[in-house]
Amino acid sequence: GDEVVVLEPYYDSYVAMIQMAGGVRRPVTLRAPDFR
């Protein structure tokens, strides 16, 4: 149930391990074209 804010796009193991821990991911997107 803990929320984890994570920068998106993200390395795929982040998704898998947050799910395995039972956490909830909250993405913040680095958007093209500058990815800031």
PDB file of all heavy atoms in Angstrom:
ATOM      1  N   GLY A   1       0.784  -1.224   0.000  1.00  0.00           N
ATOM      2  CA  GLY A   1       0.000   0.000   0.000  1.00  0.00           C
ATOM      3  C   GLY A   1       0.814   1.270   0.000  1.00  0.00           C
ATOM      4  O   GLY A   1       0.287   2.348  -0.305  1.00  0.00           O
ATOM      5  N   ASP A   2       2.114   1.184   0.347  1.00  0.00           N
ATOM      6  CA  ASP A   2       2.964   2.374   0.294  1.00  0.00           C
ATOM      7  C   ASP A   2       3.087   2.865  -1.140  1.00  0.00           C
ATOM      8  O   ASP A   2       3.288   2.074  -2.066  1.00  0.00           O
ATOM      9  CB  ASP A   2       4.377   2.058   0.808  1.00  0.00           C
ATOM     10  CG  ASP A   2       4.450   1.911   2.313  1.00  0.00           C
ATOM     11  OD1 ASP A   2       3.459   2.233   2.996  1.00  0.00           O
ATOM     12  OD2 ASP A   2       5.510   1.472   2.799  1.00  0.00           O
ATOM     13  N   GLU A   3       3.019   4.168  -1.318  1.00  0.00           N
ATOM     14  CA  GLU A   3       3.218   4.736  -2.644  1.00  0.00           C
ATOM     15  C   GLU A   3       4.683   5.081  -2.859  1.00  0.00           C
ATOM     16  O   GLU A   3       5.357   5.605  -1.965  1.00  0.00           O
ATOM     17  CB  GLU A   3       2.363   5.994  -2.817  1.00  0.00           C
ATOM     18  CG  GLU A   3       0.879   5.693  -2.904  1.00  0.00           C
ATOM     19  CD  GLU A   3       0.053   6.931  -3.188  1.00  0.00           C
ATOM     20  OE1 GLU A   3       0.607   8.051  -3.177  1.00  0.00           O
ATOM     21  OE2 GLU A   3      -1.164   6.766  -3.424  1.00  0.00           O
ATOM     22  N   VAL A   4       5.155   4.777  -4.069  1.00  0.00           N
ATOM     23  CA  VAL A   4       6.530   5.062  -4.475  1.00  0.00           C
ATOM     24  C   VAL A   4       6.473   5.965  -5.700  1.00  0.00           C
ATOM     25  O   VAL A   4       5.993   5.553  -6.760  1.00  0.00           O
ATOM     26  CB  VAL A   4       7.296   3.767  -4.814  1.00  0.00           C
ATOM     27  CG1 VAL A   4       8.751   4.089  -5.162  1.00  0.00           C
ATOM     28  CG2 VAL A   4       7.220   2.766  -3.656  1.00  0.00           C
ATOM     29  N   VAL A   5       6.937   7.196  -5.558  1.00  0.00           N
ATOM     30  CA  VAL A   5       7.019   8.103  -6.696  1.00  0.00           C
ATOM     31  C   VAL A   5       8.289   7.760  -7.472  1.00  0.00           C
ATOM     32  O   VAL A   5       9.374   7.684  -6.899  1.00  0.00           O
ATOM     33  CB  VAL A   5       7.043   9.572  -6.236  1.00  0.00           C
ATOM     34  CG1 VAL A   5       7.318  10.505  -7.420  1.00  0.00           C
ATOM     35  CG2 VAL A   5       5.715   9.941  -5.575  1.00  0.00           C
ATOM     36  N   VAL A   6       8.139   7.546  -8.777  1.00  0.00           N
ATOM     37  CA  VAL A   6       9.258   7.078  -9.583  1.00  0.00           C
ATOM     38  C   VAL A   6       9.299   7.856 -10.900  1.00  0.00           C
ATOM     39  O   VAL A   6       8.256   8.164 -11.476  1.00  0.00           O
ATOM     40  CB  VAL A   6       9.151   5.553  -9.830  1.00  0.00           C
ATOM     41  CG1 VAL A   6       7.838   5.185 -10.466  1.00  0.00           C
ATOM     42  CG2 VAL A   6      10.319   5.024 -10.639  1.00  0.00           C
ATOM     43  N   LEU A   7      10.517   8.207 -11.330  1.00  0.00           N
ATOM     44  CA  LEU A   7      10.671   8.931 -12.586  1.00  0.00           C
ATOM     45  C   LEU A   7      10.436   7.986 -13.760  1.00  0.00           C
ATOM     46  O   LEU A   7      11.025   6.916 -13.847  1.00  0.00           O
ATOM     47  CB  LEU A   7      12.069   9.552 -12.682  1.00  0.00           C
ATOM     48  CG  LEU A   7      12.463  10.532 -11.570  1.00  0.00           C
ATOM     49  CD1 LEU A   7      13.808  11.164 -11.888  1.00  0.00           C
ATOM     50  CD2 LEU A   7      11.403  11.599 -11.358  1.00  0.00           C
ATOM     51  N   GLU A   8       9.573   8.411 -14.669  1.00  0.00           N
ATOM     52  CA  GLU A   8       9.190   7.635 -15.840  1.00  0.00           C
ATOM     53  C   GLU A   8       9.750   8.318 -17.096  1.00  0.00           C
ATOM     54  O   GLU A   8       9.722   9.556 -17.166  1.00  0.00           O
ATOM     55  CB  GLU A   8       7.667   7.577 -15.904  1.00  0.00           C
ATOM     56  CG  GLU A   8       7.110   6.863 -17.107  1.00  0.00           C
ATOM     57  CD  GLU A   8       5.599   7.039 -17.244  1.00  0.00           C
ATOM     58  OE1 GLU A   8       5.142   8.197 -17.322  1.00  0.00           O
ATOM     59  OE2 GLU A   8       4.898   6.032 -17.264  1.00  0.00           O
ATOM     60  N   PRO A   9      10.258   7.616 -18.094  1.00  0.00           N
ATOM     61  CA  PRO A   9      10.361   6.156 -18.227  1.00  0.00           C
ATOM     62  C   PRO A   9      11.352   5.569 -17.228  1.00  0.00           C
ATOM     63  O   PRO A   9      12.255   6.260 -16.781  1.00  0.00           O
ATOM     64  CB  PRO A   9      10.838   5.969 -19.669  1.00  0.00           C
ATOM     65  CG  PRO A   9      11.553   7.242 -20.002  1.00  0.00           C
ATOM     66  CD  PRO A   9      10.826   8.328 -19.273  1.00  0.00           C
ATOM     67  N   TYR A  10      11.156   4.276 -16.911  1.00  0.00           N
ATOM     68  CA  TYR A  10      11.976   3.682 -15.881  1.00  0.00           C
ATOM     69  C   TYR A  10      12.476   2.297 -16.261  1.00  0.00           C
ATOM     70  O   TYR A  10      11.873   1.578 -17.040  1.00  0.00           O
ATOM     71  CB  TYR A  10      11.232   3.592 -14.546  1.00  0.00           C
ATOM     72  CG  TYR A  10       9.739   3.455 -14.611  1.00  0.00           C
ATOM     73  CD1 TYR A  10       9.138   2.392 -15.263  1.00  0.00           C
ATOM     74  CD2 TYR A  10       8.941   4.410 -14.009  1.00  0.00           C
ATOM     75  CE1 TYR A  10       7.773   2.274 -15.301  1.00  0.00           C
ATOM     76  CE2 TYR A  10       7.561   4.304 -14.050  1.00  0.00           C
ATOM     77  CZ  TYR A  10       6.978   3.240 -14.692  1.00  0.00           C
ATOM     78  OH  TYR A  10       5.614   3.126 -14.743  1.00  0.00           O
ATOM     79  N   TYR A  11      13.624   1.980 -15.673  1.00  0.00           N
ATOM     80  CA  TYR A  11      14.207   0.645 -15.804  1.00  0.00           C
ATOM     81  C   TYR A  11      13.168  -0.380 -15.365  1.00  0.00           C
ATOM     82  O   TYR A  11      12.493  -0.202 -14.344  1.00  0.00           O
ATOM     83  CB  TYR A  11      15.460   0.583 -14.940  1.00  0.00           C
ATOM     84  CG  TYR A  11      16.241  -0.702 -14.998  1.00  0.00           C
ATOM     85  CD1 TYR A  11      16.725  -1.198 -16.189  1.00  0.00           C
ATOM     86  CD2 TYR A  11      16.529  -1.407 -13.823  1.00  0.00           C
ATOM     87  CE1 TYR A  11      17.460  -2.373 -16.229  1.00  0.00           C
ATOM     88  CE2 TYR A  11      17.268  -2.571 -13.848  1.00  0.00           C
ATOM     89  CZ  TYR A  11      17.725  -3.050 -15.051  1.00  0.00           C
ATOM     90  OH  TYR A  11      18.463  -4.210 -15.086  1.00  0.00           O
ATOM     91  N   ASP A  12      13.015  -1.453 -16.129  1.00  0.00           N
ATOM     92  CA  ASP A  12      11.848  -2.315 -15.929  1.00  0.00           C
ATOM     93  C   ASP A  12      11.820  -3.033 -14.588  1.00  0.00           C
ATOM     94  O   ASP A  12      10.748  -3.393 -14.101  1.00  0.00           O
ATOM     95  CB  ASP A  12      11.694  -3.306 -17.085  1.00  0.00           C
ATOM     96  CG  ASP A  12      12.883  -4.226 -17.277  1.00  0.00           C
ATOM     97  OD1 ASP A  12      13.923  -4.013 -16.639  1.00  0.00           O
ATOM     98  OD2 ASP A  12      12.772  -5.166 -18.097  1.00  0.00           O
ATOM     99  N   SER A  13      12.961  -3.230 -13.934  1.00  0.00           N
ATOM    100  CA  SER A  13      12.926  -3.919 -12.642  1.00  0.00           C
ATOM    101  C   SER A  13      12.224  -3.084 -11.576  1.00  0.00           C
ATOM    102  O   SER A  13      11.712  -3.628 -10.598  1.00  0.00           O
ATOM    103  CB  SER A  13      14.334  -4.285 -12.165  1.00  0.00           C
ATOM    104  OG  SER A  13      14.984  -3.208 -11.528  1.00  0.00           O
ATOM    105  N   TYR A  14      12.174  -1.755 -11.756  1.00  0.00           N
ATOM    106  CA  TYR A  14      11.468  -0.925 -10.774  1.00  0.00           C
ATOM    107  C   TYR A  14      10.005  -1.336 -10.690  1.00  0.00           C
ATOM    108  O   TYR A  14       9.446  -1.496  -9.601  1.00  0.00           O
ATOM    109  CB  TYR A  14      11.531   0.557 -11.160  1.00  0.00           C
ATOM    110  CG  TYR A  14      12.885   1.194 -11.251  1.00  0.00           C
ATOM    111  CD1 TYR A  14      13.018   2.474 -11.774  1.00  0.00           C
ATOM    112  CD2 TYR A  14      14.042   0.553 -10.828  1.00  0.00           C
ATOM    113  CE1 TYR A  14      14.254   3.097 -11.874  1.00  0.00           C
ATOM    114  CE2 TYR A  14      15.283   1.162 -10.933  1.00  0.00           C
ATOM    115  CZ  TYR A  14      15.382   2.436 -11.459  1.00  0.00           C
ATOM    116  OH  TYR A  14      16.600   3.039 -11.557  1.00  0.00           O
ATOM    117  N   VAL A  15       9.379  -1.490 -11.840  1.00  0.00           N
ATOM    118  CA  VAL A  15       7.970  -1.864 -11.889  1.00  0.00           C
ATOM    119  C   VAL A  15       7.753  -3.212 -11.222  1.00  0.00           C
ATOM    120  O   VAL A  15       6.872  -3.386 -10.376  1.00  0.00           O
ATOM    121  CB  VAL A  15       7.475  -1.907 -13.344  1.00  0.00           C
ATOM    122  CG1 VAL A  15       6.037  -2.405 -13.418  1.00  0.00           C
ATOM    123  CG2 VAL A  15       7.598  -0.532 -13.981  1.00  0.00           C
ATOM    124  N   ALA A  16       8.591  -4.187 -11.608  1.00  0.00           N
ATOM    125  CA  ALA A  16       8.430  -5.541 -11.077  1.00  0.00           C
ATOM    126  C   ALA A  16       8.581  -5.576  -9.564  1.00  0.00           C
ATOM    127  O   ALA A  16       7.782  -6.202  -8.853  1.00  0.00           O
ATOM    128  CB  ALA A  16       9.451  -6.474 -11.726  1.00  0.00           C
ATOM    129  N   MET A  17       9.591  -4.877  -9.053  1.00  0.00           N
ATOM    130  CA  MET A  17       9.867  -4.980  -7.626  1.00  0.00           C
ATOM    131  C   MET A  17       8.886  -4.170  -6.782  1.00  0.00           C
ATOM    132  O   MET A  17       8.547  -4.580  -5.660  1.00  0.00           O
ATOM    133  CB  MET A  17      11.303  -4.558  -7.333  1.00  0.00           C
ATOM    134  CG  MET A  17      12.348  -5.446  -7.997  1.00  0.00           C
ATOM    135  SD  MET A  17      12.006  -7.237  -7.896  1.00  0.00           S
ATOM    136  CE  MET A  17      11.835  -7.475  -6.134  1.00  0.00           C
ATOM    137  N   ILE A  18       8.415  -3.044  -7.284  1.00  0.00           N
ATOM    138  CA  ILE A  18       7.366  -2.323  -6.550  1.00  0.00           C
ATOM    139  C   ILE A  18       6.122  -3.191  -6.451  1.00  0.00           C
ATOM    140  O   ILE A  18       5.487  -3.292  -5.391  1.00  0.00           O
ATOM    141  CB  ILE A  18       7.060  -0.974  -7.230  1.00  0.00           C
ATOM    142  CG1 ILE A  18       8.243  -0.012  -7.074  1.00  0.00           C
ATOM    143  CG2 ILE A  18       5.806  -0.341  -6.624  1.00  0.00           C
ATOM    144  CD1 ILE A  18       8.127   1.251  -7.910  1.00  0.00           C
ATOM    145  N   GLN A  19       5.768  -3.876  -7.546  1.00  0.00           N
ATOM    146  CA  GLN A  19       4.620  -4.774  -7.522  1.00  0.00           C
ATOM    147  C   GLN A  19       4.847  -5.935  -6.558  1.00  0.00           C
ATOM    148  O   GLN A  19       3.936  -6.298  -5.795  1.00  0.00           O
ATOM    149  CB  GLN A  19       4.332  -5.307  -8.925  1.00  0.00           C
ATOM    150  CG  GLN A  19       3.731  -4.270  -9.861  1.00  0.00           C
ATOM    151  CD  GLN A  19       3.394  -4.839 -11.219  1.00  0.00           C
ATOM    152  OE1 GLN A  19       3.765  -4.279 -12.243  1.00  0.00           O
ATOM    153  NE2 GLN A  19       2.682  -5.952 -11.251  1.00  0.00           N
ATOM    154  N   MET A  20       6.035  -6.523  -6.583  1.00  0.00           N
ATOM    155  CA  MET A  20       6.306  -7.657  -5.701  1.00  0.00           C
ATOM    156  C   MET A  20       6.254  -7.256  -4.237  1.00  0.00           C
ATOM    157  O   MET A  20       5.851  -8.041  -3.374  1.00  0.00           O
ATOM    158  CB  MET A  20       7.655  -8.284  -6.048  1.00  0.00           C
ATOM    159  CG  MET A  20       7.652  -9.026  -7.374  1.00  0.00           C
ATOM    160  SD  MET A  20       9.257  -9.706  -7.815  1.00  0.00           S
ATOM    161  CE  MET A  20       9.413 -11.009  -6.592  1.00  0.00           C
ATOM    162  N   ALA A  21       6.655  -6.009  -3.942  1.00  0.00           N
ATOM    163  CA  ALA A  21       6.606  -5.526  -2.560  1.00  0.00           C
ATOM    164  C   ALA A  21       5.196  -5.118  -2.148  1.00  0.00           C
ATOM    165  O   ALA A  21       4.962  -4.840  -0.959  1.00  0.00           O
ATOM    166  CB  ALA A  21       7.558  -4.345  -2.401  1.00  0.00           C
ATOM    167  N   GLY A  22       4.277  -5.064  -3.092  1.00  0.00           N
ATOM    168  CA  GLY A  22       2.912  -4.645  -2.785  1.00  0.00           C
ATOM    169  C   GLY A  22       2.754  -3.142  -2.759  1.00  0.00           C
ATOM    170  O   GLY A  22       1.724  -2.623  -2.297  1.00  0.00           O
ATOM    171  N   GLY A  23       3.760  -2.411  -3.281  1.00  0.00           N
ATOM    172  CA  GLY A  23       3.679  -0.964  -3.320  1.00  0.00           C
ATOM    173  C   GLY A  23       2.845  -0.461  -4.486  1.00  0.00           C
ATOM    174  O   GLY A  23       2.416  -1.227  -5.357  1.00  0.00           O
ATOM    175  N   VAL A  24       2.604   0.837  -4.488  1.00  0.00           N
ATOM    176  CA  VAL A  24       1.833   1.496  -5.546  1.00  0.00           C
ATOM    177  C   VAL A  24       2.735   2.543  -6.181  1.00  0.00           C
ATOM    178  O   VAL A  24       3.228   3.444  -5.497  1.00  0.00           O
ATOM    179  CB  VAL A  24       0.574   2.171  -4.974  1.00  0.00           C
ATOM    180  CG1 VAL A  24      -0.196   2.903  -6.077  1.00  0.00           C
ATOM    181  CG2 VAL A  24      -0.311   1.147  -4.277  1.00  0.00           C
ATOM    182  N   ARG A  25       2.990   2.428  -7.485  1.00  0.00           N
ATOM    183  CA  ARG A  25       3.887   3.385  -8.114  1.00  0.00           C
ATOM    184  C   ARG A  25       3.119   4.626  -8.586  1.00  0.00           C
ATOM    185  O   ARG A  25       1.988   4.529  -9.067  1.00  0.00           O
ATOM    186  CB  ARG A  25       4.666   2.758  -9.267  1.00  0.00           C
ATOM    187  CG  ARG A  25       3.874   2.300 -10.453  1.00  0.00           C
ATOM    188  CD  ARG A  25       4.796   1.630 -11.483  1.00  0.00           C
ATOM    189  NE  ARG A  25       4.072   1.169 -12.655  1.00  0.00           N
ATOM    190  CZ  ARG A  25       3.477  -0.011 -12.775  1.00  0.00           C
ATOM    191  NH1 ARG A  25       3.513  -0.863 -11.751  1.00  0.00           N
ATOM    192  NH2 ARG A  25       2.839  -0.347 -13.882  1.00  0.00           N
ATOM    193  N   ARG A  26       3.784   5.750  -8.420  1.00  0.00           N
ATOM    194  CA  ARG A  26       3.231   7.040  -8.824  1.00  0.00           C
ATOM    195  C   ARG A  26       4.226   7.677  -9.789  1.00  0.00           C
ATOM    196  O   ARG A  26       5.209   8.293  -9.373  1.00  0.00           O
ATOM    197  CB  ARG A  26       3.019   7.935  -7.600  1.00  0.00           C
ATOM    198  CG  ARG A  26       2.049   7.381  -6.562  1.00  0.00           C
ATOM    199  CD  ARG A  26       0.630   7.763  -6.865  1.00  0.00           C
ATOM    200  NE  ARG A  26       0.450   9.225  -6.782  1.00  0.00           N
ATOM    201  CZ  ARG A  26      -0.660   9.864  -7.133  1.00  0.00           C
ATOM    202  NH1 ARG A  26      -1.673   9.191  -7.640  1.00  0.00           N
ATOM    203  NH2 ARG A  26      -0.753  11.171  -7.009  1.00  0.00           N
ATOM    204  N   PRO A  27       4.019   7.519 -11.089  1.00  0.00           N
ATOM    205  CA  PRO A  27       5.022   7.992 -12.048  1.00  0.00           C
ATOM    206  C   PRO A  27       5.019   9.503 -12.222  1.00  0.00           C
ATOM    207  O   PRO A  27       3.978  10.151 -12.181  1.00  0.00           O
ATOM    208  CB  PRO A  27       4.614   7.286 -13.341  1.00  0.00           C
ATOM    209  CG  PRO A  27       3.154   7.022 -13.192  1.00  0.00           C
ATOM    210  CD  PRO A  27       2.916   6.788 -11.737  1.00  0.00           C
ATOM    211  N   VAL A  28       6.221  10.043 -12.423  1.00  0.00           N
ATOM    212  CA  VAL A  28       6.415  11.431 -12.846  1.00  0.00           C
ATOM    213  C   VAL A  28       7.202  11.354 -14.144  1.00  0.00           C
ATOM    214  O   VAL A  28       8.328  10.848 -14.166  1.00  0.00           O
ATOM    215  CB  VAL A  28       7.179  12.241 -11.786  1.00  0.00           C
ATOM    216  CG1 VAL A  28       7.481  13.645 -12.309  1.00  0.00           C
ATOM    217  CG2 VAL A  28       6.388  12.307 -10.486  1.00  0.00           C
ATOM    218  N   THR A  29       6.626  11.832 -15.239  1.00  0.00           N
ATOM    219  CA  THR A  29       7.180  11.591 -16.558  1.00  0.00           C
ATOM    220  C   THR A  29       8.201  12.649 -16.960  1.00  0.00           C
ATOM    221  O   THR A  29       7.930  13.853 -16.863  1.00  0.00           O
ATOM    222  CB  THR A  29       6.050  11.554 -17.609  1.00  0.00           C
ATOM    223  OG1 THR A  29       5.053  10.619 -17.194  1.00  0.00           O
ATOM    224  CG2 THR A  29       6.599  11.144 -18.973  1.00  0.00           C
ATOM    225  N   LEU A  30       9.369  12.187 -17.398  1.00  0.00           N
ATOM    226  CA  LEU A  30      10.333  13.033 -18.092  1.00  0.00           C
ATOM    227  C   LEU A  30       9.931  13.004 -19.563  1.00  0.00           C
ATOM    228  O   LEU A  30      10.082  11.989 -20.233  1.00  0.00           O
ATOM    229  CB  LEU A  30      11.754  12.503 -17.912  1.00  0.00           C
ATOM    230  CG  LEU A  30      12.240  12.258 -16.472  1.00  0.00           C
ATOM    231  CD1 LEU A  30      13.688  11.782 -16.473  1.00  0.00           C
ATOM    232  CD2 LEU A  30      12.078  13.496 -15.615  1.00  0.00           C
ATOM    233  N   ARG A  31       9.416  14.123 -20.068  1.00  0.00           N
ATOM    234  CA  ARG A  31       8.749  14.119 -21.367  1.00  0.00           C
ATOM    235  C   ARG A  31       9.683  14.535 -22.499  1.00  0.00           C
ATOM    236  O   ARG A  31      10.523  15.422 -22.339  1.00  0.00           O
ATOM    237  CB  ARG A  31       7.527  15.036 -21.331  1.00  0.00           C
ATOM    238  CG  ARG A  31       6.504  14.599 -20.285  1.00  0.00           C
ATOM    239  CD  ARG A  31       5.229  15.422 -20.322  1.00  0.00           C
ATOM    240  NE  ARG A  31       4.345  15.019 -19.239  1.00  0.00           N
ATOM    241  CZ  ARG A  31       3.552  13.951 -19.251  1.00  0.00           C
ATOM    242  NH1 ARG A  31       3.515  13.189 -20.347  1.00  0.00           N
ATOM    243  NH2 ARG A  31       2.785  13.642 -18.220  1.00  0.00           N
ATOM    244  N   ALA A  32       9.507  13.867 -23.644  1.00  0.00           N
ATOM    245  CA  ALA A  32      10.239  14.228 -24.855  1.00  0.00           C
ATOM    246  C   ALA A  32       9.830  15.642 -25.279  1.00  0.00           C
ATOM    247  O   ALA A  32       8.700  16.064 -25.026  1.00  0.00           O
ATOM    248  CB  ALA A  32       9.926  13.222 -25.960  1.00  0.00           C
ATOM    249  N   PRO A  33      10.707  16.386 -25.954  1.00  0.00           N
ATOM    250  CA  PRO A  33      12.027  15.945 -26.407  1.00  0.00           C
ATOM    251  C   PRO A  33      13.173  16.213 -25.442  1.00  0.00           C
ATOM    252  O   PRO A  33      14.274  15.734 -25.675  1.00  0.00           O
ATOM    253  CB  PRO A  33      12.216  16.768 -27.685  1.00  0.00           C
ATOM    254  CG  PRO A  33      11.523  18.066 -27.370  1.00  0.00           C
ATOM    255  CD  PRO A  33      10.320  17.686 -26.554  1.00  0.00           C
ATOM    256  N   ASP A  34      12.925  16.969 -24.361  1.00  0.00           N
ATOM    257  CA  ASP A  34      14.031  17.380 -23.493  1.00  0.00           C
ATOM    258  C   ASP A  34      14.259  16.459 -22.301  1.00  0.00           C
ATOM    259  O   ASP A  34      15.345  16.437 -21.725  1.00  0.00           O
ATOM    260  CB  ASP A  34      13.804  18.807 -22.990  1.00  0.00           C
ATOM    261  CG  ASP A  34      13.773  19.822 -24.116  1.00  0.00           C
ATOM    262  OD1 ASP A  34      14.535  19.638 -25.084  1.00  0.00           O
ATOM    263  OD2 ASP A  34      12.979  20.782 -24.036  1.00  0.00           O
ATOM    264  N   PHE A  35      13.219  15.728 -21.884  1.00  0.00           N
ATOM    265  CA  PHE A  35      13.308  14.772 -20.770  1.00  0.00           C
ATOM    266  C   PHE A  35      13.816  15.438 -19.482  1.00  0.00           C
ATOM    267  O   PHE A  35      14.701  14.912 -18.800  1.00  0.00           O
ATOM    268  CB  PHE A  35      14.201  13.589 -21.145  1.00  0.00           C
ATOM    269  CG  PHE A  35      13.745  12.837 -22.360  1.00  0.00           C
ATOM    270  CD1 PHE A  35      14.495  12.844 -23.525  1.00  0.00           C
ATOM    271  CD2 PHE A  35      12.550  12.133 -22.354  1.00  0.00           C
ATOM    272  CE1 PHE A  35      14.076  12.156 -24.657  1.00  0.00           C
ATOM    273  CE2 PHE A  35      12.117  11.435 -23.477  1.00  0.00           C
ATOM    274  CZ  PHE A  35      12.883  11.451 -24.630  1.00  0.00           C
ATOM    275  N   ARG A  36      13.236  16.594 -19.150  1.00  0.00           N
ATOM    276  CA  ARG A  36      13.587  17.269 -17.906  1.00  0.00           C
ATOM    277  C   ARG A  36      12.515  17.018 -16.852  1.00  0.00           C
ATOM    278  O   ARG A  36      11.349  16.734 -17.183  1.00  0.00           O
ATOM    279  CB  ARG A  36      13.726  18.780 -18.106  1.00  0.00           C
ATOM    280  CG  ARG A  36      14.710  19.299 -19.120  1.00  0.00           C
ATOM    281  CD  ARG A  36      16.080  18.713 -19.144  1.00  0.00           C
ATOM    282  NE  ARG A  36      16.728  18.445 -17.879  1.00  0.00           N
ATOM    283  CZ  ARG A  36      17.939  17.874 -17.780  1.00  0.00           C
ATOM    284  NH1 ARG A  36      18.600  17.542 -18.893  1.00  0.00           N
ATOM    285  NH2 ARG A  36      18.473  17.635 -16.612  1.00  0.00           N
TER     286      ARG A  36
END
